[in-house]
Amino acid sequence: MAILDTMYRLLVFAAWLCVQFPCTAQISIYRSYADLLADAPDELEGYTLKSIKSQKKNASLLLEGEAGQAPMTIECEDIWGFRLDSVLFRIEPIYGHPARVVLVGEPCFYENGAAHLKMYLEGTNEEHVVWGAGGYLSDDLNSEMAFVPIDKYAYGRKETKVFLESRSAYAPILRCANGQLHTYMIRACIKAMWNGDL
């Protein structure tokens, strides 16, 4: 299937995309969007990300503490998002999966957070999508997140048509990205829309 092939190749994009986190990356939890706006996260001093787990819904972040600190589990469905050093992740509210914030504007664009976190944990620059969507769009950082089908047949698919029923202004982005296999091309299309080139 084209979508599965695309998902496995989804994160084979430019190396500049992957921020290399240090081993002791600071984890900050945002319980709500208001916490993000107020820059008032829960700072989890002494904790590092050990792993992330999920089934079809509701991912969990498993944190390891320094000597004397008990391990901690953060249920993604209970938070708005989190920061791992300077990289912001938002939780997709329906399935409880993390999404990495890549572009902020109208629209915002997110990539599969689990794949980015796996790259961080394994120290690699490339990873395929195991669960969660390949990409998401939203009007802003607190509005509904819609799945963006990322494969060469996506524009005519039912999910895309439903997405466009309430967001017809984004049709040029998906037309631009139609046939592209990499999320960096969707980012390029969003930037082209911002610049008035679509």
C-alpha atoms as a PDB file:
ATOM      1  CA  MET A   1       0.000   0.000   0.000  1.00  0.00           C
ATOM      2  CA  ALA A   2       1.268   3.443  -0.880  1.00  0.00           C
ATOM      3  CA  ILE A   3       0.423   4.911   2.528  1.00  0.00           C
ATOM      4  CA  LEU A   4       2.394   2.233   4.385  1.00  0.00           C
ATOM      5  CA  ASP A   5       5.353   2.638   2.054  1.00  0.00           C
ATOM      6  CA  THR A   6       5.153   6.366   2.630  1.00  0.00           C
ATOM      7  CA  MET A   7       4.935   5.958   6.393  1.00  0.00           C
ATOM      8  CA  TYR A   8       8.071   3.817   6.422  1.00  0.00           C
ATOM      9  CA  ARG A   9       9.907   6.463   4.421  1.00  0.00           C
ATOM     10  CA  LEU A  10       8.210   9.417   6.067  1.00  0.00           C
ATOM     11  CA  LEU A  11      11.081  10.614   8.177  1.00  0.00           C
ATOM     12  CA  VAL A  12      13.858  10.223   5.623  1.00  0.00           C
ATOM     13  CA  PHE A  13      14.098  13.973   5.322  1.00  0.00           C
ATOM     14  CA  ALA A  14      16.891  16.505   5.593  1.00  0.00           C
ATOM     15  CA  ALA A  15      19.197  16.037   8.568  1.00  0.00           C
ATOM     16  CA  TRP A  16      18.672  19.634   9.647  1.00  0.00           C
ATOM     17  CA  LEU A  17      15.151  18.745  10.713  1.00  0.00           C
ATOM     18  CA  CYS A  18      16.235  16.444  13.497  1.00  0.00           C
ATOM     19  CA  VAL A  19      17.373  18.404  16.502  1.00  0.00           C
ATOM     20  CA  GLN A  20      20.078  16.478  18.304  1.00  0.00           C
ATOM     21  CA  PHE A  21      19.100  16.444  21.968  1.00  0.00           C
ATOM     22  CA  PRO A  22      21.740  16.109  24.660  1.00  0.00           C
ATOM     23  CA  CYS A  23      21.465  13.023  26.905  1.00  0.00           C
ATOM     24  CA  THR A  24      20.095  15.108  29.752  1.00  0.00           C
ATOM     25  CA  ALA A  25      17.428  16.996  27.847  1.00  0.00           C
ATOM     26  CA  GLN A  26      15.170  19.076  30.091  1.00  0.00           C
ATOM     27  CA  ILE A  27      11.580  17.864  30.104  1.00  0.00           C
ATOM     28  CA  SER A  28       8.833  20.429  30.699  1.00  0.00           C
ATOM     29  CA  ILE A  29       5.165  19.423  30.877  1.00  0.00           C
ATOM     30  CA  TYR A  30       2.325  21.737  29.834  1.00  0.00           C
ATOM     31  CA  ARG A  31      -0.882  20.600  31.518  1.00  0.00           C
ATOM     32  CA  SER A  32      -2.944  23.035  29.416  1.00  0.00           C
ATOM     33  CA  TYR A  33      -2.653  25.500  26.554  1.00  0.00           C
ATOM     34  CA  ALA A  34      -2.950  28.281  29.136  1.00  0.00           C
ATOM     35  CA  ASP A  35       0.254  26.950  30.753  1.00  0.00           C
ATOM     36  CA  LEU A  36       2.008  27.223  27.393  1.00  0.00           C
ATOM     37  CA  LEU A  37       0.822  30.807  26.898  1.00  0.00           C
ATOM     38  CA  ALA A  38       1.903  31.732  30.412  1.00  0.00           C
ATOM     39  CA  ASP A  39       5.222  29.922  29.957  1.00  0.00           C
ATOM     40  CA  ALA A  40       4.403  28.046  33.173  1.00  0.00           C
ATOM     41  CA  PRO A  41       5.326  24.402  32.632  1.00  0.00           C
ATOM     42  CA  ASP A  42       5.943  21.738  35.240  1.00  0.00           C
ATOM     43  CA  GLU A  43       9.735  21.398  35.154  1.00  0.00           C
ATOM     44  CA  LEU A  44      10.715  17.803  35.814  1.00  0.00           C
ATOM     45  CA  GLU A  45      14.176  18.360  37.246  1.00  0.00           C
ATOM     46  CA  GLY A  46      16.387  15.304  37.349  1.00  0.00           C
ATOM     47  CA  TYR A  47      14.253  13.270  34.947  1.00  0.00           C
ATOM     48  CA  THR A  48      15.130  12.066  31.457  1.00  0.00           C
ATOM     49  CA  LEU A  49      12.994  10.366  28.844  1.00  0.00           C
ATOM     50  CA  LYS A  50      13.560   6.611  28.957  1.00  0.00           C
ATOM     51  CA  SER A  51      10.909   5.413  26.482  1.00  0.00           C
ATOM     52  CA  ILE A  52       7.517   6.084  24.973  1.00  0.00           C
ATOM     53  CA  LYS A  53       4.782   3.519  24.642  1.00  0.00           C
ATOM     54  CA  SER A  54       1.386   3.353  23.005  1.00  0.00           C
ATOM     55  CA  GLN A  55      -1.171   1.078  21.554  1.00  0.00           C
ATOM     56  CA  LYS A  56      -3.829   2.562  19.299  1.00  0.00           C
ATOM     57  CA  LYS A  57      -4.596   5.313  21.777  1.00  0.00           C
ATOM     58  CA  ASN A  58      -3.109   7.214  24.681  1.00  0.00           C
ATOM     59  CA  ALA A  59       0.667   7.239  24.587  1.00  0.00           C
ATOM     60  CA  SER A  60       2.731   7.357  27.772  1.00  0.00           C
ATOM     61  CA  LEU A  61       6.106   8.957  28.441  1.00  0.00           C
ATOM     62  CA  LEU A  62       8.274   6.827  30.722  1.00  0.00           C
ATOM     63  CA  LEU A  63      10.755   8.961  32.643  1.00  0.00           C
ATOM     64  CA  GLU A  64      13.813   7.887  34.553  1.00  0.00           C
ATOM     65  CA  GLY A  65      14.926   9.843  37.611  1.00  0.00           C
ATOM     66  CA  GLU A  66      18.352  10.546  38.984  1.00  0.00           C
ATOM     67  CA  ALA A  67      19.561   8.471  41.938  1.00  0.00           C
ATOM     68  CA  GLY A  68      16.906   8.442  44.623  1.00  0.00           C
ATOM     69  CA  GLN A  69      14.081   9.582  42.334  1.00  0.00           C
ATOM     70  CA  ALA A  70      11.372   7.071  41.485  1.00  0.00           C
ATOM     71  CA  PRO A  71      10.532   6.466  37.807  1.00  0.00           C
ATOM     72  CA  MET A  72       7.586   8.483  36.525  1.00  0.00           C
ATOM     73  CA  THR A  73       4.931   7.839  33.887  1.00  0.00           C
ATOM     74  CA  ILE A  74       3.180  10.743  32.147  1.00  0.00           C
ATOM     75  CA  GLU A  75      -0.067   9.846  30.395  1.00  0.00           C
ATOM     76  CA  CYS A  76      -0.211  11.963  27.258  1.00  0.00           C
ATOM     77  CA  GLU A  77      -4.009  12.170  27.332  1.00  0.00           C
ATOM     78  CA  ASP A  78      -3.723  14.118  30.600  1.00  0.00           C
ATOM     79  CA  ILE A  79      -1.544  16.940  29.246  1.00  0.00           C
ATOM     80  CA  TRP A  80      -1.623  19.540  26.462  1.00  0.00           C
ATOM     81  CA  GLY A  81       1.974  18.884  25.443  1.00  0.00           C
ATOM     82  CA  PHE A  82       5.594  19.020  26.510  1.00  0.00           C
ATOM     83  CA  ARG A  83       9.019  20.349  25.640  1.00  0.00           C
ATOM     84  CA  LEU A  84      12.154  18.273  25.338  1.00  0.00           C
ATOM     85  CA  ASP A  85      14.765  21.016  25.590  1.00  0.00           C
ATOM     86  CA  SER A  86      13.671  23.536  22.935  1.00  0.00           C
ATOM     87  CA  VAL A  87      11.488  21.154  20.897  1.00  0.00           C
ATOM     88  CA  LEU A  88       7.731  21.493  21.439  1.00  0.00           C
ATOM     89  CA  PHE A  89       5.349  18.545  21.205  1.00  0.00           C
ATOM     90  CA  ARG A  90       1.565  18.863  21.289  1.00  0.00           C
ATOM     91  CA  ILE A  91      -0.728  15.963  22.172  1.00  0.00           C
ATOM     92  CA  GLU A  92      -3.312  15.086  19.526  1.00  0.00           C
ATOM     93  CA  PRO A  93      -6.441  15.027  21.715  1.00  0.00           C
ATOM     94  CA  ILE A  94      -8.474  12.245  20.091  1.00  0.00           C
ATOM     95  CA  TYR A  95      -5.822   9.521  20.079  1.00  0.00           C
ATOM     96  CA  GLY A  96      -3.480  10.914  22.734  1.00  0.00           C
ATOM     97  CA  HIS A  97      -0.401  10.770  20.505  1.00  0.00           C
ATOM     98  CA  PRO A  98       2.439  13.304  20.581  1.00  0.00           C
ATOM     99  CA  ALA A  99       2.991  15.478  17.527  1.00  0.00           C
ATOM    100  CA  ARG A 100       6.146  17.524  16.985  1.00  0.00           C
ATOM    101  CA  VAL A 101       5.415  21.179  16.245  1.00  0.00           C
ATOM    102  CA  VAL A 102       7.303  22.030  13.051  1.00  0.00           C
ATOM    103  CA  LEU A 103       5.624  25.194  11.741  1.00  0.00           C
ATOM    104  CA  VAL A 104       3.555  27.712  13.703  1.00  0.00           C
ATOM    105  CA  GLY A 105       1.256  30.064  11.809  1.00  0.00           C
ATOM    106  CA  GLU A 106      -1.870  29.740   9.738  1.00  0.00           C
ATOM    107  CA  PRO A 107      -1.814  26.789   9.514  1.00  0.00           C
ATOM    108  CA  CYS A 108       0.358  25.038  12.083  1.00  0.00           C
ATOM    109  CA  PHE A 109       2.019  21.834  10.880  1.00  0.00           C
ATOM    110  CA  TYR A 110       3.083  18.879  13.020  1.00  0.00           C
ATOM    111  CA  GLU A 111       5.002  15.693  12.283  1.00  0.00           C
ATOM    112  CA  ASN A 112       4.783  12.305  13.961  1.00  0.00           C
ATOM    113  CA  GLY A 113       6.047  12.858  17.494  1.00  0.00           C
ATOM    114  CA  ALA A 114       6.661   9.214  18.346  1.00  0.00           C
ATOM    115  CA  ALA A 115       9.096   8.878  15.460  1.00  0.00           C
ATOM    116  CA  HIS A 116      10.964  12.025  16.541  1.00  0.00           C
ATOM    117  CA  LEU A 117      11.133  10.774  20.129  1.00  0.00           C
ATOM    118  CA  LYS A 118      12.433   7.421  18.937  1.00  0.00           C
ATOM    119  CA  MET A 119      15.164   9.241  16.992  1.00  0.00           C
ATOM    120  CA  TYR A 120      16.074  11.077  20.200  1.00  0.00           C
ATOM    121  CA  LEU A 121      16.142   7.866  22.249  1.00  0.00           C
ATOM    122  CA  GLU A 122      18.180   5.936  19.689  1.00  0.00           C
ATOM    123  CA  GLY A 123      20.433   8.795  18.604  1.00  0.00           C
ATOM    124  CA  THR A 124      19.484   8.532  14.927  1.00  0.00           C
ATOM    125  CA  ASN A 125      18.426  11.003  12.214  1.00  0.00           C
ATOM    126  CA  GLU A 126      15.825   8.783  10.565  1.00  0.00           C
ATOM    127  CA  GLU A 127      12.838   6.776  11.720  1.00  0.00           C
ATOM    128  CA  HIS A 128       9.642   5.343  10.295  1.00  0.00           C
ATOM    129  CA  VAL A 129       6.165   5.926  11.687  1.00  0.00           C
ATOM    130  CA  VAL A 130       4.949   2.991  13.758  1.00  0.00           C
ATOM    131  CA  TRP A 131       1.779   4.587  15.160  1.00  0.00           C
ATOM    132  CA  GLY A 132       0.072   7.947  14.975  1.00  0.00           C
ATOM    133  CA  ALA A 133      -0.453  10.072  11.887  1.00  0.00           C
ATOM    134  CA  GLY A 134       2.263  11.083   9.482  1.00  0.00           C
ATOM    135  CA  GLY A 135       1.314  14.730   9.804  1.00  0.00           C
ATOM    136  CA  TYR A 136      -1.301  17.101  11.186  1.00  0.00           C
ATOM    137  CA  LEU A 137      -2.577  20.581  10.406  1.00  0.00           C
ATOM    138  CA  SER A 138      -4.399  22.966  12.718  1.00  0.00           C
ATOM    139  CA  ASP A 139      -5.485  26.584  12.474  1.00  0.00           C
ATOM    140  CA  ASP A 140      -3.440  27.455  15.560  1.00  0.00           C
ATOM    141  CA  LEU A 141      -1.753  25.688  18.477  1.00  0.00           C
ATOM    142  CA  ASN A 142      -5.031  25.218  20.348  1.00  0.00           C
ATOM    143  CA  SER A 143      -7.488  24.335  17.590  1.00  0.00           C
ATOM    144  CA  GLU A 144      -8.563  20.959  16.227  1.00  0.00           C
ATOM    145  CA  MET A 145      -5.762  18.896  14.725  1.00  0.00           C
ATOM    146  CA  ALA A 146      -6.618  17.223  11.444  1.00  0.00           C
ATOM    147  CA  PHE A 147      -4.762  14.263   9.963  1.00  0.00           C
ATOM    148  CA  VAL A 148      -2.897  15.088   6.777  1.00  0.00           C
ATOM    149  CA  PRO A 149      -2.682  12.037   4.514  1.00  0.00           C
ATOM    150  CA  ILE A 150       0.880  11.895   3.249  1.00  0.00           C
ATOM    151  CA  ASP A 151       1.082   9.708   0.186  1.00  0.00           C
ATOM    152  CA  LYS A 152       0.954  10.252  -3.543  1.00  0.00           C
ATOM    153  CA  TYR A 153      -2.735   9.346  -3.783  1.00  0.00           C
ATOM    154  CA  ALA A 154      -3.834  11.391  -0.777  1.00  0.00           C
ATOM    155  CA  TYR A 155      -5.529  14.368  -2.421  1.00  0.00           C
ATOM    156  CA  GLY A 156      -8.438  12.365  -3.786  1.00  0.00           C
ATOM    157  CA  ARG A 157      -8.946  10.227  -0.692  1.00  0.00           C
ATOM    158  CA  LYS A 158     -12.054  10.419   1.481  1.00  0.00           C
ATOM    159  CA  GLU A 159     -10.141  11.640   4.550  1.00  0.00           C
ATOM    160  CA  THR A 160      -8.682  14.538   2.623  1.00  0.00           C
ATOM    161  CA  LYS A 161     -12.059  15.535   1.198  1.00  0.00           C
ATOM    162  CA  VAL A 162     -13.584  15.529   4.695  1.00  0.00           C
ATOM    163  CA  PHE A 163     -10.658  17.600   5.960  1.00  0.00           C
ATOM    164  CA  LEU A 164     -11.182  20.175   3.199  1.00  0.00           C
ATOM    165  CA  GLU A 165     -14.947  20.507   3.776  1.00  0.00           C
ATOM    166  CA  SER A 166     -14.295  22.782   6.729  1.00  0.00           C
ATOM    167  CA  ARG A 167     -10.872  24.060   5.613  1.00  0.00           C
ATOM    168  CA  SER A 168     -11.122  24.859   1.923  1.00  0.00           C
ATOM    169  CA  ALA A 169      -8.411  27.511   2.316  1.00  0.00           C
ATOM    170  CA  TYR A 170      -5.894  24.681   2.758  1.00  0.00           C
ATOM    171  CA  ALA A 171      -6.731  23.036  -0.575  1.00  0.00           C
ATOM    172  CA  PRO A 172      -3.744  24.729  -2.297  1.00  0.00           C
ATOM    173  CA  ILE A 173      -1.380  23.169   0.261  1.00  0.00           C
ATOM    174  CA  LEU A 174      -2.656  19.667  -0.395  1.00  0.00           C
ATOM    175  CA  ARG A 175      -2.712  20.209  -4.151  1.00  0.00           C
ATOM    176  CA  CYS A 176       0.893  21.380  -3.892  1.00  0.00           C
ATOM    177  CA  ALA A 177       1.842  18.362  -1.751  1.00  0.00           C
ATOM    178  CA  ASN A 178      -0.066  15.844  -3.895  1.00  0.00           C
ATOM    179  CA  GLY A 179       2.346  13.152  -5.039  1.00  0.00           C
ATOM    180  CA  GLN A 180       5.056  14.146  -2.572  1.00  0.00           C
ATOM    181  CA  LEU A 181       6.375  11.427  -0.304  1.00  0.00           C
ATOM    182  CA  HIS A 182       8.173  13.562   2.256  1.00  0.00           C
ATOM    183  CA  THR A 183       6.833  15.883   4.912  1.00  0.00           C
ATOM    184  CA  TYR A 184       9.456  18.509   4.112  1.00  0.00           C
ATOM    185  CA  MET A 185       7.579  19.048   0.842  1.00  0.00           C
ATOM    186  CA  ILE A 186       4.397  19.807   2.785  1.00  0.00           C
ATOM    187  CA  ARG A 187       6.376  22.324   4.841  1.00  0.00           C
ATOM    188  CA  ALA A 188       7.583  23.890   1.595  1.00  0.00           C
ATOM    189  CA  CYS A 189       3.989  24.106   0.357  1.00  0.00           C
ATOM    190  CA  ILE A 190       2.848  25.797   3.576  1.00  0.00           C
ATOM    191  CA  LYS A 191       5.657  28.331   3.281  1.00  0.00           C
ATOM    192  CA  ALA A 192       4.712  28.918  -0.352  1.00  0.00           C
ATOM    193  CA  MET A 193       1.131  29.664   0.763  1.00  0.00           C
ATOM    194  CA  TRP A 194       2.408  32.086   3.417  1.00  0.00           C
ATOM    195  CA  ASN A 195       4.473  33.826   0.731  1.00  0.00           C
ATOM    196  CA  GLY A 196       1.506  34.053  -1.640  1.00  0.00           C
ATOM    197  CA  ASP A 197       3.110  31.701  -4.161  1.00  0.00           C
ATOM    198  CA  LEU A 198       0.238  29.172  -4.346  1.00  0.00           C
END
